[in-house]
């Protein structure tokens, strides 16, 4: 057995082994690091404002009183049915577009919402 090679062999590429890198900020990167810290420490509340439930119930009651279906009301407003349904269900975002839509409802139905 003198012909046997007893040297250890490591399989794989040693240059591809995991090496932990230390990131040293370059000059000018301080602004980016400060921005990242600011984002991490931000405590601002990002709540999504939906249409008030009282307003959506009012819209539903007025439509029922006028004996219109949701589809007919959506057609009068020139909007899609799903947009009108979200408005009545209280799932619509309370944005400027929604406020304009409510104002248009007031004009078409001839009523004033309590908002």
PDB file of N, CA and C in Angstrom:
ATOM      1  N   UNK A   1       0.801  -1.180   0.000  1.00  0.00           N
ATOM      2  CA  UNK A   1       0.000   0.000   0.000  1.00  0.00           C
ATOM      3  C   UNK A   1       0.850   1.253   0.000  1.00  0.00           C
ATOM      4  N   UNK A   2       2.002   1.137  -0.470  1.00  0.00           N
ATOM      5  CA  UNK A   2       2.865   2.297  -0.551  1.00  0.00           C
ATOM      6  C   UNK A   2       2.486   3.200  -1.714  1.00  0.00           C
ATOM      7  N   UNK A   3       1.670   2.718  -2.578  1.00  0.00           N
ATOM      8  CA  UNK A   3       1.274   3.532  -3.711  1.00  0.00           C
ATOM      9  C   UNK A   3       0.088   4.443  -3.378  1.00  0.00           C
ATOM     10  N   UNK A   4      -0.544   4.325  -2.223  1.00  0.00           N
ATOM     11  CA  UNK A   4      -1.705   5.112  -1.797  1.00  0.00           C
ATOM     12  C   UNK A   4      -1.273   6.532  -1.406  1.00  0.00           C
ATOM     13  N   UNK A   5      -2.045   7.534  -1.850  1.00  0.00           N
ATOM     14  CA  UNK A   5      -1.791   8.928  -1.497  1.00  0.00           C
ATOM     15  C   UNK A   5      -2.653   9.290  -0.290  1.00  0.00           C
ATOM     16  N   UNK A   6      -2.032   9.599   0.840  1.00  0.00           N
ATOM     17  CA  UNK A   6      -2.763   9.856   2.084  1.00  0.00           C
ATOM     18  C   UNK A   6      -2.945  11.342   2.374  1.00  0.00           C
ATOM     19  N   UNK A   7      -2.716  12.189   1.434  1.00  0.00           N
ATOM     20  CA  UNK A   7      -2.907  13.628   1.639  1.00  0.00           C
ATOM     21  C   UNK A   7      -4.399  13.950   1.637  1.00  0.00           C
ATOM     22  N   UNK A   8      -4.798  14.882   2.507  1.00  0.00           N
ATOM     23  CA  UNK A   8      -6.220  15.265   2.564  1.00  0.00           C
ATOM     24  C   UNK A   8      -6.558  16.155   1.378  1.00  0.00           C
ATOM     25  N   UNK A   9      -7.752  15.948   0.894  1.00  0.00           N
ATOM     26  CA  UNK A   9      -8.234  16.712  -0.255  1.00  0.00           C
ATOM     27  C   UNK A   9      -9.498  17.447   0.190  1.00  0.00           C
ATOM     28  N   UNK A  10      -9.585  18.733  -0.076  1.00  0.00           N
ATOM     29  CA  UNK A  10     -10.825  19.473   0.214  1.00  0.00           C
ATOM     30  C   UNK A  10     -11.571  19.651  -1.104  1.00  0.00           C
ATOM     31  N   UNK A  11     -12.835  19.261  -1.068  1.00  0.00           N
ATOM     32  CA  UNK A  11     -13.665  19.310  -2.273  1.00  0.00           C
ATOM     33  C   UNK A  11     -14.379  20.661  -2.293  1.00  0.00           C
ATOM     34  N   UNK A  12     -14.443  21.286  -3.419  1.00  0.00           N
ATOM     35  CA  UNK A  12     -15.094  22.581  -3.569  1.00  0.00           C
ATOM     36  C   UNK A  12     -14.061  23.660  -3.791  1.00  0.00           C
ATOM     37  N   UNK A  13     -14.544  24.792  -4.204  1.00  0.00           N
ATOM     38  CA  UNK A  13     -13.677  25.919  -4.496  1.00  0.00           C
ATOM     39  C   UNK A  13     -13.483  26.732  -3.218  1.00  0.00           C
ATOM     40  N   UNK A  14     -12.287  26.794  -2.671  1.00  0.00           N
ATOM     41  CA  UNK A  14     -12.071  27.525  -1.418  1.00  0.00           C
ATOM     42  C   UNK A  14     -12.299  29.031  -1.555  1.00  0.00           C
ATOM     43  N   UNK A  15     -12.220  29.540  -2.772  1.00  0.00           N
ATOM     44  CA  UNK A  15     -12.432  30.983  -2.943  1.00  0.00           C
ATOM     45  C   UNK A  15     -13.914  31.343  -2.848  1.00  0.00           C
ATOM     46  N   UNK A  16     -14.817  30.361  -2.980  1.00  0.00           N
ATOM     47  CA  UNK A  16     -16.251  30.614  -2.914  1.00  0.00           C
ATOM     48  C   UNK A  16     -16.826  30.363  -1.524  1.00  0.00           C
ATOM     49  N   UNK A  17     -15.987  30.101  -0.567  1.00  0.00           N
ATOM     50  CA  UNK A  17     -16.479  29.899   0.791  1.00  0.00           C
ATOM     51  C   UNK A  17     -16.979  31.224   1.337  1.00  0.00           C
ATOM     52  N   UNK A  18     -17.939  31.111   2.274  1.00  0.00           N
ATOM     53  CA  UNK A  18     -18.562  32.307   2.827  1.00  0.00           C
ATOM     54  C   UNK A  18     -17.556  33.086   3.670  1.00  0.00           C
ATOM     55  N   UNK A  19     -17.459  34.344   3.346  1.00  0.00           N
ATOM     56  CA  UNK A  19     -16.573  35.242   4.076  1.00  0.00           C
ATOM     57  C   UNK A  19     -17.423  36.431   4.509  1.00  0.00           C
ATOM     58  N   UNK A  20     -17.402  36.737   5.810  1.00  0.00           N
ATOM     59  CA  UNK A  20     -18.160  37.880   6.289  1.00  0.00           C
ATOM     60  C   UNK A  20     -17.430  39.149   5.909  1.00  0.00           C
ATOM     61  N   UNK A  21     -18.194  40.067   5.334  1.00  0.00           N
ATOM     62  CA  UNK A  21     -17.621  41.322   4.897  1.00  0.00           C
ATOM     63  C   UNK A  21     -18.038  42.423   5.867  1.00  0.00           C
ATOM     64  N   UNK A  22     -17.130  43.262   6.177  1.00  0.00           N
ATOM     65  CA  UNK A  22     -17.423  44.413   7.017  1.00  0.00           C
ATOM     66  C   UNK A  22     -17.641  45.599   6.106  1.00  0.00           C
ATOM     67  N   UNK A  23     -18.800  46.228   6.254  1.00  0.00           N
ATOM     68  CA  UNK A  23     -19.119  47.374   5.403  1.00  0.00           C
ATOM     69  C   UNK A  23     -18.645  48.632   6.103  1.00  0.00           C
ATOM     70  N   UNK A  24     -17.752  49.289   5.456  1.00  0.00           N
ATOM     71  CA  UNK A  24     -17.215  50.538   5.984  1.00  0.00           C
ATOM     72  C   UNK A  24     -17.794  51.657   5.138  1.00  0.00           C
ATOM     73  N   UNK A  25     -18.532  52.593   5.769  1.00  0.00           N
ATOM     74  CA  UNK A  25     -19.137  53.659   4.976  1.00  0.00           C
ATOM     75  C   UNK A  25     -18.078  54.557   4.353  1.00  0.00           C
ATOM     76  N   UNK A  26     -18.311  54.869   3.103  1.00  0.00           N
ATOM     77  CA  UNK A  26     -17.419  55.770   2.398  1.00  0.00           C
ATOM     78  C   UNK A  26     -17.822  57.204   2.708  1.00  0.00           C
ATOM     79  N   UNK A  27     -16.973  58.089   2.376  1.00  0.00           N
ATOM     80  CA  UNK A  27     -17.293  59.490   2.592  1.00  0.00           C
ATOM     81  C   UNK A  27     -18.465  59.841   1.677  1.00  0.00           C
ATOM     82  N   UNK A  28     -19.478  60.508   2.226  1.00  0.00           N
ATOM     83  CA  UNK A  28     -20.662  60.842   1.446  1.00  0.00           C
ATOM     84  C   UNK A  28     -21.808  59.879   1.709  1.00  0.00           C
ATOM     85  N   UNK A  29     -21.539  58.716   2.314  1.00  0.00           N
ATOM     86  CA  UNK A  29     -22.581  57.744   2.618  1.00  0.00           C
ATOM     87  C   UNK A  29     -23.292  58.063   3.932  1.00  0.00           C
ATOM     88  N   UNK A  30     -22.795  59.025   4.678  1.00  0.00           N
ATOM     89  CA  UNK A  30     -23.402  59.357   5.964  1.00  0.00           C
ATOM     90  C   UNK A  30     -24.838  59.812   5.801  1.00  0.00           C
ATOM     91  N   UNK A  31     -25.144  60.511   4.720  1.00  0.00           N
ATOM     92  CA  UNK A  31     -26.510  60.976   4.489  1.00  0.00           C
ATOM     93  C   UNK A  31     -27.435  59.782   4.299  1.00  0.00           C
ATOM     94  N   UNK A  32     -26.966  58.765   3.590  1.00  0.00           N
ATOM     95  CA  UNK A  32     -27.774  57.570   3.373  1.00  0.00           C
ATOM     96  C   UNK A  32     -27.997  56.821   4.680  1.00  0.00           C
ATOM     97  N   UNK A  33     -26.963  56.712   5.493  1.00  0.00           N
ATOM     98  CA  UNK A  33     -27.078  56.033   6.787  1.00  0.00           C
ATOM     99  C   UNK A  33     -28.030  56.803   7.696  1.00  0.00           C
ATOM    100  N   UNK A  34     -27.922  58.124   7.702  1.00  0.00           N
ATOM    101  CA  UNK A  34     -28.830  58.942   8.508  1.00  0.00           C
ATOM    102  C   UNK A  34     -30.266  58.760   8.049  1.00  0.00           C
ATOM    103  N   UNK A  35     -30.466  58.682   6.731  1.00  0.00           N
ATOM    104  CA  UNK A  35     -31.810  58.475   6.184  1.00  0.00           C
ATOM    105  C   UNK A  35     -32.360  57.118   6.625  1.00  0.00           C
ATOM    106  N   UNK A  36     -31.532  56.080   6.602  1.00  0.00           N
ATOM    107  CA  UNK A  36     -31.966  54.753   7.030  1.00  0.00           C
ATOM    108  C   UNK A  36     -32.334  54.741   8.505  1.00  0.00           C
ATOM    109  N   UNK A  37     -31.554  55.431   9.326  1.00  0.00           N
ATOM    110  CA  UNK A  37     -31.863  55.513  10.753  1.00  0.00           C
ATOM    111  C   UNK A  37     -33.173  56.253  10.976  1.00  0.00           C
ATOM    112  N   UNK A  38     -33.396  57.296  10.211  1.00  0.00           N
ATOM    113  CA  UNK A  38     -34.622  58.070  10.336  1.00  0.00           C
ATOM    114  C   UNK A  38     -35.835  57.211   9.998  1.00  0.00           C
ATOM    115  N   UNK A  39     -35.732  56.401   8.954  1.00  0.00           N
ATOM    116  CA  UNK A  39     -36.827  55.514   8.568  1.00  0.00           C
ATOM    117  C   UNK A  39     -37.081  54.478   9.652  1.00  0.00           C
ATOM    118  N   UNK A  40     -36.025  53.906  10.225  1.00  0.00           N
ATOM    119  CA  UNK A  40     -36.172  52.902  11.272  1.00  0.00           C
ATOM    120  C   UNK A  40     -36.820  53.481  12.521  1.00  0.00           C
ATOM    121  N   UNK A  41     -36.492  54.721  12.849  1.00  0.00           N
ATOM    122  CA  UNK A  41     -37.002  55.341  14.067  1.00  0.00           C
ATOM    123  C   UNK A  41     -38.309  56.087  13.856  1.00  0.00           C
ATOM    124  N   UNK A  42     -38.849  56.039  12.664  1.00  0.00           N
ATOM    125  CA  UNK A  42     -40.070  56.761  12.347  1.00  0.00           C
ATOM    126  C   UNK A  42     -41.248  56.140  13.078  1.00  0.00           C
ATOM    127  N   UNK A  43     -42.008  56.951  13.769  1.00  0.00           N
ATOM    128  CA  UNK A  43     -43.161  56.456  14.518  1.00  0.00           C
ATOM    129  C   UNK A  43     -44.459  57.027  13.973  1.00  0.00           C
ATOM    130  N   UNK A  44     -44.414  57.605  12.799  1.00  0.00           N
ATOM    131  CA  UNK A  44     -45.607  58.193  12.220  1.00  0.00           C
ATOM    132  C   UNK A  44     -46.625  57.112  11.902  1.00  0.00           C
ATOM    133  N   UNK A  45     -47.877  57.414  12.122  1.00  0.00           N
ATOM    134  CA  UNK A  45     -48.955  56.457  11.878  1.00  0.00           C
ATOM    135  C   UNK A  45     -49.452  56.630  10.444  1.00  0.00           C
ATOM    136  N   UNK A  46     -49.395  55.578   9.671  1.00  0.00           N
ATOM    137  CA  UNK A  46     -49.832  55.614   8.287  1.00  0.00           C
ATOM    138  C   UNK A  46     -51.184  54.916   8.160  1.00  0.00           C
ATOM    139  N   UNK A  47     -52.205  55.503   8.739  1.00  0.00           N
ATOM    140  CA  UNK A  47     -53.544  54.915   8.700  1.00  0.00           C
ATOM    141  C   UNK A  47     -54.206  55.255   7.366  1.00  0.00           C
ATOM    142  N   UNK A  48     -54.933  54.307   6.837  1.00  0.00           N
ATOM    143  CA  UNK A  48     -55.674  54.506   5.600  1.00  0.00           C
ATOM    144  C   UNK A  48     -57.076  54.951   5.977  1.00  0.00           C
ATOM    145  N   UNK A  49     -57.451  56.132   5.512  1.00  0.00           N
ATOM    146  CA  UNK A  49     -58.734  56.704   5.880  1.00  0.00           C
ATOM    147  C   UNK A  49     -59.800  56.210   4.910  1.00  0.00           C
ATOM    148  N   UNK A  50     -60.799  55.543   5.450  1.00  0.00           N
ATOM    149  CA  UNK A  50     -61.927  55.055   4.654  1.00  0.00           C
ATOM    150  C   UNK A  50     -63.102  56.018   4.812  1.00  0.00           C
ATOM    151  N   UNK A  51     -64.091  55.876   3.948  1.00  0.00           N
ATOM    152  CA  UNK A  51     -65.277  56.709   4.015  1.00  0.00           C
ATOM    153  C   UNK A  51     -66.007  56.418   5.333  1.00  0.00           C
ATOM    154  N   UNK A  52     -66.530  57.440   6.017  1.00  0.00           N
ATOM    155  CA  UNK A  52     -67.227  57.197   7.291  1.00  0.00           C
ATOM    156  C   UNK A  52     -68.440  56.292   7.118  1.00  0.00           C
ATOM    157  N   UNK A  53     -68.657  55.420   8.106  1.00  0.00           N
ATOM    158  CA  UNK A  53     -69.786  54.480   8.031  1.00  0.00           C
ATOM    159  C   UNK A  53     -71.124  55.201   7.986  1.00  0.00           C
ATOM    160  N   UNK A  54     -71.233  56.310   8.697  1.00  0.00           N
ATOM    161  CA  UNK A  54     -72.505  57.045   8.708  1.00  0.00           C
ATOM    162  C   UNK A  54     -72.832  57.561   7.310  1.00  0.00           C
ATOM    163  N   UNK A  55     -71.826  58.028   6.586  1.00  0.00           N
ATOM    164  CA  UNK A  55     -72.039  58.532   5.233  1.00  0.00           C
ATOM    165  C   UNK A  55     -72.419  57.401   4.283  1.00  0.00           C
ATOM    166  N   UNK A  56     -71.742  56.259   4.393  1.00  0.00           N
ATOM    167  CA  UNK A  56     -72.071  55.139   3.504  1.00  0.00           C
ATOM    168  C   UNK A  56     -73.490  54.629   3.781  1.00  0.00           C
ATOM    169  N   UNK A  57     -73.913  54.632   5.058  1.00  0.00           N
ATOM    170  CA  UNK A  57     -75.291  54.219   5.380  1.00  0.00           C
ATOM    171  C   UNK A  57     -76.301  55.213   4.826  1.00  0.00           C
ATOM    172  N   UNK A  58     -75.976  56.505   4.902  1.00  0.00           N
ATOM    173  CA  UNK A  58     -76.866  57.529   4.342  1.00  0.00           C
ATOM    174  C   UNK A  58     -77.046  57.328   2.836  1.00  0.00           C
ATOM    175  N   UNK A  59     -75.945  57.058   2.158  1.00  0.00           N
ATOM    176  CA  UNK A  59     -76.000  56.851   0.704  1.00  0.00           C
ATOM    177  C   UNK A  59     -76.887  55.660   0.389  1.00  0.00           C
ATOM    178  N   UNK A  60     -76.730  54.585   1.150  1.00  0.00           N
ATOM    179  CA  UNK A  60     -77.528  53.386   0.929  1.00  0.00           C
ATOM    180  C   UNK A  60     -79.012  53.666   1.178  1.00  0.00           C
ATOM    181  N   UNK A  61     -79.328  54.388   2.252  1.00  0.00           N
ATOM    182  CA  UNK A  61     -80.722  54.682   2.581  1.00  0.00           C
ATOM    183  C   UNK A  61     -81.381  55.575   1.535  1.00  0.00           C
ATOM    184  N   UNK A  62     -80.657  56.567   1.052  1.00  0.00           N
ATOM    185  CA  UNK A  62     -81.203  57.464   0.018  1.00  0.00           C
ATOM    186  C   UNK A  62     -81.476  56.690  -1.261  1.00  0.00           C
ATOM    187  N   UNK A  63     -80.540  55.829  -1.644  1.00  0.00           N
ATOM    188  CA  UNK A  63     -80.735  55.038  -2.868  1.00  0.00           C
ATOM    189  C   UNK A  63     -81.946  54.133  -2.719  1.00  0.00           C
ATOM    190  N   UNK A  64     -82.107  53.511  -1.545  1.00  0.00           N
ATOM    191  CA  UNK A  64     -83.253  52.624  -1.307  1.00  0.00           C
ATOM    192  C   UNK A  64     -84.554  53.427  -1.309  1.00  0.00           C
ATOM    193  N   UNK A  65     -84.513  54.633  -0.739  1.00  0.00           N
ATOM    194  CA  UNK A  65     -85.705  55.478  -0.691  1.00  0.00           C
ATOM    195  C   UNK A  65     -86.133  55.893  -2.099  1.00  0.00           C
ATOM    196  N   UNK A  66     -85.157  56.114  -2.985  1.00  0.00           N
ATOM    197  CA  UNK A  66     -85.457  56.480  -4.369  1.00  0.00           C
ATOM    198  C   UNK A  66     -85.775  55.262  -5.234  1.00  0.00           C
ATOM    199  N   UNK A  67     -85.708  54.079  -4.631  1.00  0.00           N
ATOM    200  CA  UNK A  67     -86.023  52.808  -5.298  1.00  0.00           C
ATOM    201  C   UNK A  67     -85.146  52.577  -6.528  1.00  0.00           C
ATOM    202  N   UNK A  68     -83.847  52.793  -6.317  1.00  0.00           N
ATOM    203  CA  UNK A  68     -82.865  52.535  -7.361  1.00  0.00           C
ATOM    204  C   UNK A  68     -82.016  51.335  -6.960  1.00  0.00           C
ATOM    205  N   UNK A  69     -81.539  50.605  -7.946  1.00  0.00           N
ATOM    206  CA  UNK A  69     -80.572  49.550  -7.669  1.00  0.00           C
ATOM    207  C   UNK A  69     -79.185  50.178  -7.656  1.00  0.00           C
ATOM    208  N   UNK A  70     -78.226  49.423  -7.158  1.00  0.00           N
ATOM    209  CA  UNK A  70     -76.850  49.932  -7.163  1.00  0.00           C
ATOM    210  C   UNK A  70     -76.371  50.166  -8.590  1.00  0.00           C
ATOM    211  N   UNK A  71     -76.765  49.294  -9.478  1.00  0.00           N
ATOM    212  CA  UNK A  71     -76.349  49.420 -10.878  1.00  0.00           C
ATOM    213  C   UNK A  71     -76.923  50.691 -11.499  1.00  0.00           C
ATOM    214  N   UNK A  72     -78.195  50.984 -11.209  1.00  0.00           N
ATOM    215  CA  UNK A  72     -78.811  52.204 -11.747  1.00  0.00           C
ATOM    216  C   UNK A  72     -78.141  53.458 -11.181  1.00  0.00           C
ATOM    217  N   UNK A  73     -77.836  53.435  -9.884  1.00  0.00           N
ATOM    218  CA  UNK A  73     -77.170  54.576  -9.268  1.00  0.00           C
ATOM    219  C   UNK A  73     -75.779  54.764  -9.862  1.00  0.00           C
ATOM    220  N   UNK A  74     -75.059  53.671 -10.090  1.00  0.00           N
ATOM    221  CA  UNK A  74     -73.731  53.750 -10.689  1.00  0.00           C
ATOM    222  C   UNK A  74     -73.812  54.297 -12.108  1.00  0.00           C
ATOM    223  N   UNK A  75     -74.823  53.900 -12.856  1.00  0.00           N
ATOM    224  CA  UNK A  75     -75.003  54.409 -14.215  1.00  0.00           C
ATOM    225  C   UNK A  75     -75.292  55.909 -14.210  1.00  0.00           C
ATOM    226  N   UNK A  76     -76.096  56.369 -13.239  1.00  0.00           N
ATOM    227  CA  UNK A  76     -76.387  57.806 -13.159  1.00  0.00           C
ATOM    228  C   UNK A  76     -75.132  58.611 -12.840  1.00  0.00           C
ATOM    229  N   UNK A  77     -74.229  58.021 -12.070  1.00  0.00           N
ATOM    230  CA  UNK A  77     -72.985  58.699 -11.709  1.00  0.00           C
ATOM    231  C   UNK A  77     -71.883  58.512 -12.751  1.00  0.00           C
ATOM    232  N   UNK A  78     -72.131  57.660 -13.725  1.00  0.00           N
ATOM    233  CA  UNK A  78     -71.146  57.313 -14.759  1.00  0.00           C
ATOM    234  C   UNK A  78     -69.890  56.698 -14.151  1.00  0.00           C
ATOM    235  N   UNK A  79     -70.076  55.780 -13.215  1.00  0.00           N
ATOM    236  CA  UNK A  79     -68.967  55.051 -12.601  1.00  0.00           C
ATOM    237  C   UNK A  79     -69.254  53.563 -12.687  1.00  0.00           C
ATOM    238  N   UNK A  80     -68.248  52.760 -12.407  1.00  0.00           N
ATOM    239  CA  UNK A  80     -68.431  51.314 -12.435  1.00  0.00           C
ATOM    240  C   UNK A  80     -69.189  50.861 -11.198  1.00  0.00           C
ATOM    241  N   UNK A  81     -69.845  49.733 -11.321  1.00  0.00           N
ATOM    242  CA  UNK A  81     -70.661  49.198 -10.238  1.00  0.00           C
ATOM    243  C   UNK A  81     -69.820  48.895  -8.999  1.00  0.00           C
ATOM    244  N   UNK A  82     -68.628  48.323  -9.187  1.00  0.00           N
ATOM    245  CA  UNK A  82     -67.801  47.980  -8.023  1.00  0.00           C
ATOM    246  C   UNK A  82     -67.354  49.219  -7.249  1.00  0.00           C
ATOM    247  N   UNK A  83     -67.155  50.350  -7.914  1.00  0.00           N
ATOM    248  CA  UNK A  83     -66.786  51.594  -7.240  1.00  0.00           C
ATOM    249  C   UNK A  83     -67.949  52.066  -6.369  1.00  0.00           C
ATOM    250  N   UNK A  84     -69.162  51.997  -6.919  1.00  0.00           N
ATOM    251  CA  UNK A  84     -70.336  52.405  -6.150  1.00  0.00           C
ATOM    252  C   UNK A  84     -70.585  51.454  -4.976  1.00  0.00           C
ATOM    253  N   UNK A  85     -70.368  50.180  -5.182  1.00  0.00           N
ATOM    254  CA  UNK A  85     -70.546  49.192  -4.117  1.00  0.00           C
ATOM    255  C   UNK A  85     -69.564  49.446  -2.979  1.00  0.00           C
ATOM    256  N   UNK A  86     -68.318  49.758  -3.305  1.00  0.00           N
ATOM    257  CA  UNK A  86     -67.330  50.091  -2.273  1.00  0.00           C
ATOM    258  C   UNK A  86     -67.737  51.341  -1.508  1.00  0.00           C
ATOM    259  N   UNK A  87     -68.354  52.278  -2.197  1.00  0.00           N
ATOM    260  CA  UNK A  87     -68.816  53.507  -1.563  1.00  0.00           C
ATOM    261  C   UNK A  87     -69.906  53.198  -0.532  1.00  0.00           C
ATOM    262  N   UNK A  88     -70.851  52.351  -0.901  1.00  0.00           N
ATOM    263  CA  UNK A  88     -71.943  51.993   0.012  1.00  0.00           C
ATOM    264  C   UNK A  88     -71.487  51.075   1.138  1.00  0.00           C
ATOM    265  N   UNK A  89     -70.503  50.232   0.884  1.00  0.00           N
ATOM    266  CA  UNK A  89     -70.038  49.292   1.903  1.00  0.00           C
ATOM    267  C   UNK A  89     -69.026  49.908   2.868  1.00  0.00           C
ATOM    268  N   UNK A  90     -68.599  51.135   2.608  1.00  0.00           N
ATOM    269  CA  UNK A  90     -67.641  51.800   3.483  1.00  0.00           C
ATOM    270  C   UNK A  90     -66.217  51.361   3.257  1.00  0.00           C
ATOM    271  N   UNK A  91     -65.937  50.774   2.109  1.00  0.00           N
ATOM    272  CA  UNK A  91     -64.577  50.308   1.811  1.00  0.00           C
ATOM    273  C   UNK A  91     -63.801  51.282   0.931  1.00  0.00           C
ATOM    274  N   UNK A  92     -64.469  52.325   0.449  1.00  0.00           N
ATOM    275  CA  UNK A  92     -63.816  53.285  -0.440  1.00  0.00           C
ATOM    276  C   UNK A  92     -62.879  54.188   0.364  1.00  0.00           C
ATOM    277  N   UNK A  93     -61.750  54.528  -0.229  1.00  0.00           N
ATOM    278  CA  UNK A  93     -60.822  55.469   0.396  1.00  0.00           C
ATOM    279  C   UNK A  93     -61.459  56.852   0.399  1.00  0.00           C
ATOM    280  N   UNK A  94     -61.289  57.575   1.490  1.00  0.00           N
ATOM    281  CA  UNK A  94     -61.888  58.913   1.589  1.00  0.00           C
ATOM    282  C   UNK A  94     -60.897  59.932   1.053  1.00  0.00           C
ATOM    283  N   UNK A  95     -60.801  59.998  -0.250  1.00  0.00           N
ATOM    284  CA  UNK A  95     -59.872  60.900  -0.925  1.00  0.00           C
ATOM    285  C   UNK A  95     -60.661  62.009  -1.612  1.00  0.00           C
ATOM    286  N   UNK A  96     -59.957  62.884  -2.300  1.00  0.00           N
ATOM    287  CA  UNK A  96     -60.623  63.966  -3.025  1.00  0.00           C
ATOM    288  C   UNK A  96     -61.561  63.422  -4.093  1.00  0.00           C
ATOM    289  N   UNK A  97     -61.162  62.343  -4.732  1.00  0.00           N
ATOM    290  CA  UNK A  97     -61.995  61.744  -5.776  1.00  0.00           C
ATOM    291  C   UNK A  97     -63.314  61.237  -5.185  1.00  0.00           C
ATOM    292  N   UNK A  98     -63.237  60.631  -4.002  1.00  0.00           N
ATOM    293  CA  UNK A  98     -64.438  60.132  -3.347  1.00  0.00           C
ATOM    294  C   UNK A  98     -65.319  61.293  -2.907  1.00  0.00           C
ATOM    295  N   UNK A  99     -64.711  62.361  -2.406  1.00  0.00           N
ATOM    296  CA  UNK A  99     -65.482  63.530  -1.986  1.00  0.00           C
ATOM    297  C   UNK A  99     -66.206  64.153  -3.176  1.00  0.00           C
ATOM    298  N   UNK A 100     -65.550  64.192  -4.332  1.00  0.00           N
ATOM    299  CA  UNK A 100     -66.197  64.705  -5.541  1.00  0.00           C
ATOM    300  C   UNK A 100     -67.368  63.815  -5.941  1.00  0.00           C
ATOM    301  N   UNK A 101     -67.191  62.519  -5.762  1.00  0.00           N
ATOM    302  CA  UNK A 101     -68.252  61.569  -6.085  1.00  0.00           C
ATOM    303  C   UNK A 101     -69.455  61.772  -5.166  1.00  0.00           C
ATOM    304  N   UNK A 102     -69.209  62.022  -3.889  1.00  0.00           N
ATOM    305  CA  UNK A 102     -70.293  62.272  -2.932  1.00  0.00           C
ATOM    306  C   UNK A 102     -71.012  63.571  -3.296  1.00  0.00           C
ATOM    307  N   UNK A 103     -70.258  64.588  -3.689  1.00  0.00           N
ATOM    308  CA  UNK A 103     -70.885  65.844  -4.118  1.00  0.00           C
ATOM    309  C   UNK A 103     -71.748  65.632  -5.358  1.00  0.00           C
ATOM    310  N   UNK A 104     -71.285  64.809  -6.263  1.00  0.00           N
ATOM    311  CA  UNK A 104     -72.049  64.497  -7.471  1.00  0.00           C
ATOM    312  C   UNK A 104     -73.330  63.752  -7.105  1.00  0.00           C
ATOM    313  N   UNK A 105     -73.233  62.857  -6.126  1.00  0.00           N
ATOM    314  CA  UNK A 105     -74.421  62.145  -5.624  1.00  0.00           C
ATOM    315  C   UNK A 105     -75.443  63.132  -5.073  1.00  0.00           C
ATOM    316  N   UNK A 106     -74.971  64.109  -4.318  1.00  0.00           N
ATOM    317  CA  UNK A 106     -75.868  65.118  -3.740  1.00  0.00           C
ATOM    318  C   UNK A 106     -76.597  65.889  -4.835  1.00  0.00           C
ATOM    319  N   UNK A 107     -75.864  66.257  -5.890  1.00  0.00           N
ATOM    320  CA  UNK A 107     -76.494  67.001  -6.991  1.00  0.00           C
ATOM    321  C   UNK A 107     -77.517  66.149  -7.726  1.00  0.00           C
ATOM    322  N   UNK A 108     -77.154  64.890  -8.029  1.00  0.00           N
ATOM    323  CA  UNK A 108     -78.047  64.036  -8.825  1.00  0.00           C
ATOM    324  C   UNK A 108     -79.290  63.650  -8.027  1.00  0.00           C
ATOM    325  N   UNK A 109     -79.109  63.291  -6.751  1.00  0.00           N
ATOM    326  CA  UNK A 109     -80.243  62.860  -5.938  1.00  0.00           C
ATOM    327  C   UNK A 109     -81.005  64.046  -5.338  1.00  0.00           C
ATOM    328  N   UNK A 110     -80.421  65.250  -5.393  1.00  0.00           N
ATOM    329  CA  UNK A 110     -81.093  66.436  -4.877  1.00  0.00           C
ATOM    330  C   UNK A 110     -81.189  66.447  -3.359  1.00  0.00           C
ATOM    331  N   UNK A 111     -80.185  65.963  -2.670  1.00  0.00           N
ATOM    332  CA  UNK A 111     -80.186  65.908  -1.214  1.00  0.00           C
ATOM    333  C   UNK A 111     -78.871  66.454  -0.676  1.00  0.00           C
ATOM    334  N   UNK A 112     -78.788  66.591   0.642  1.00  0.00           N
ATOM    335  CA  UNK A 112     -77.560  67.046   1.285  1.00  0.00           C
ATOM    336  C   UNK A 112     -77.199  66.036   2.379  1.00  0.00           C
ATOM    337  N   UNK A 113     -75.985  65.448   2.292  1.00  0.00           N
ATOM    338  CA  UNK A 113     -75.539  64.495   3.297  1.00  0.00           C
ATOM    339  C   UNK A 113     -75.018  65.222   4.522  1.00  0.00           C
ATOM    340  N   UNK A 114     -75.083  64.576   5.669  1.00  0.00           N
ATOM    341  CA  UNK A 114     -74.641  65.188   6.922  1.00  0.00           C
ATOM    342  C   UNK A 114     -73.136  65.181   7.049  1.00  0.00           C
ATOM    343  N   UNK A 115     -72.455  64.274   6.390  1.00  0.00           N
ATOM    344  CA  UNK A 115     -70.999  64.129   6.384  1.00  0.00           C
ATOM    345  C   UNK A 115     -70.503  64.172   7.787  1.00  0.00           C
TER     346      UNK A 115
END
